[in-house]
Protein backbone atom coordinates (compact mmCIF):
# COMPACT_ATOMS: atom_id res chain seq x y z
CA UNK A 1 36.43 -8.61 20.06
CA UNK A 2 36.68 -8.00 23.78
CA UNK A 3 33.66 -7.62 26.06
CA UNK A 4 34.56 -4.04 26.97
CA UNK A 5 32.74 -1.15 25.35
CA UNK A 6 34.13 2.35 24.91
CA UNK A 7 32.34 5.29 26.51
CA UNK A 8 30.80 6.23 23.14
CA UNK A 9 29.61 2.67 22.53
CA UNK A 10 27.99 2.61 25.99
CA UNK A 11 26.43 6.01 25.26
CA UNK A 12 24.97 4.64 22.03
CA UNK A 13 23.53 1.63 23.89
CA UNK A 14 21.90 3.88 26.51
CA UNK A 15 20.29 5.97 23.75
CA UNK A 16 19.10 2.89 21.86
CA UNK A 17 17.40 1.47 24.99
CA UNK A 18 15.74 4.79 25.88
CA UNK A 19 11.99 5.05 25.41
CA UNK A 20 12.02 8.87 25.53
CA UNK A 21 14.50 11.71 24.98
CA UNK A 22 17.22 11.82 27.66
CA UNK A 23 19.06 14.84 29.04
CA UNK A 24 22.83 14.73 29.44
CA UNK A 25 22.38 14.39 33.21
CA UNK A 26 20.17 11.32 32.72
CA UNK A 27 22.68 9.84 30.27
CA UNK A 28 25.50 10.46 32.76
CA UNK A 29 23.53 8.71 35.50
CA UNK A 30 22.88 5.73 33.22
CA UNK A 31 26.60 5.55 32.43
CA UNK A 32 27.53 5.86 36.11
CA UNK A 33 29.34 9.17 35.60
CA UNK A 34 29.23 11.92 38.20
CA UNK A 35 32.40 13.91 37.51
CA UNK A 36 31.59 17.29 35.91
CA UNK A 37 34.44 16.94 33.40
CA UNK A 38 33.08 13.58 32.25
CA UNK A 39 29.60 15.09 31.90
CA UNK A 40 31.10 17.80 29.67
CA UNK A 41 32.74 15.06 27.60
CA UNK A 42 29.32 13.52 26.98
CA UNK A 43 28.31 16.61 24.99
CA UNK A 44 31.37 16.12 22.78
CA UNK A 45 30.69 12.40 22.48
CA UNK A 46 27.11 13.07 21.37
CA UNK A 47 28.36 14.91 18.27
CA UNK A 48 30.57 11.97 17.30
CA UNK A 49 27.95 9.35 18.14
CA UNK A 50 25.45 11.17 15.91
CA UNK A 51 27.80 11.12 12.93
CA UNK A 52 28.83 7.51 13.50
CA UNK A 53 25.24 6.37 13.95
CA UNK A 54 24.14 7.98 10.69
CA UNK A 55 27.10 6.59 8.76
CA UNK A 56 26.91 3.03 10.12
CA UNK A 57 23.13 2.77 9.69
CA UNK A 58 23.19 4.11 6.16
CA UNK A 59 20.96 7.01 7.22
CA UNK A 60 18.28 4.78 8.77
CA UNK A 61 19.04 5.97 12.32
CA UNK A 62 19.55 9.59 13.32
CA UNK A 63 20.42 11.20 16.65
CA UNK A 64 17.99 14.06 17.23
CA UNK A 65 18.11 16.82 19.82
CA UNK A 66 14.96 18.15 21.45
CA UNK A 67 15.96 21.82 21.68
CA UNK A 68 16.30 23.57 25.03
CA UNK A 69 13.79 26.26 25.95
CA UNK A 70 13.62 29.17 28.34
CA UNK A 71 11.61 28.27 31.44
CA UNK A 72 10.74 31.94 32.02
CA UNK A 73 9.35 33.09 28.66
CA UNK A 74 9.09 29.86 26.64
CA UNK A 75 11.61 30.80 23.93
CA UNK A 76 12.73 27.65 22.05
CA UNK A 77 16.35 27.48 20.89
CA UNK A 78 15.74 26.13 17.36
CA UNK A 79 18.40 26.03 14.66
CA UNK A 80 21.14 25.62 17.22
CA UNK A 81 24.26 23.97 15.79
CA UNK A 82 26.00 23.62 19.16
CA UNK A 83 25.03 20.59 21.21
CA UNK A 84 25.43 22.37 24.56
CA UNK A 85 22.87 24.02 26.79
CA UNK A 86 22.71 27.79 26.15
CA UNK A 87 23.63 30.02 29.05
CA UNK A 88 21.05 32.79 28.65
CA UNK A 89 17.81 33.48 26.81
CA UNK A 90 18.22 36.05 24.01
CA UNK A 91 14.65 37.30 24.53
CA UNK A 92 14.33 37.80 28.32
CA UNK A 93 17.97 37.25 29.45
CA UNK A 94 16.89 34.61 31.97
CA UNK A 95 19.31 31.83 32.84
CA UNK A 96 16.49 29.35 33.56
CA UNK A 97 17.06 27.18 30.49
CA UNK A 98 16.01 23.54 30.16
CA UNK A 99 18.64 21.06 29.06
CA UNK A 100 18.54 19.69 25.53
CA UNK A 101 17.45 16.05 25.31
CA UNK A 102 18.60 13.42 22.86
CA UNK A 103 17.14 10.31 21.32
CA UNK A 104 17.65 8.02 18.35
CA UNK A 105 14.99 8.09 15.64
CA UNK A 106 14.72 5.21 13.19
CA UNK A 107 13.56 6.22 9.72
């Protein structure tokens, strides 16, 4: 096997080394990515990495998302199937929303 890792493999390594949940911006910085299109691709990669991680670990490792919350009223976006940051709060309509953060949990 060659010494080069794919973007998703590097993403998985960044998450495994993390001591706390990381936002997509922090992950992008750790990967050396600054292009906005590449940052958008990280959201897509996170879905795939989560599935791969669960499958390859036999369910012992899981990618979890700390849900985003409204910085104005405190509403927490639970039960969100999409991995992206919501654009607006359904309660107060504010656009001041924290980014979701991600980490690997070993069971």
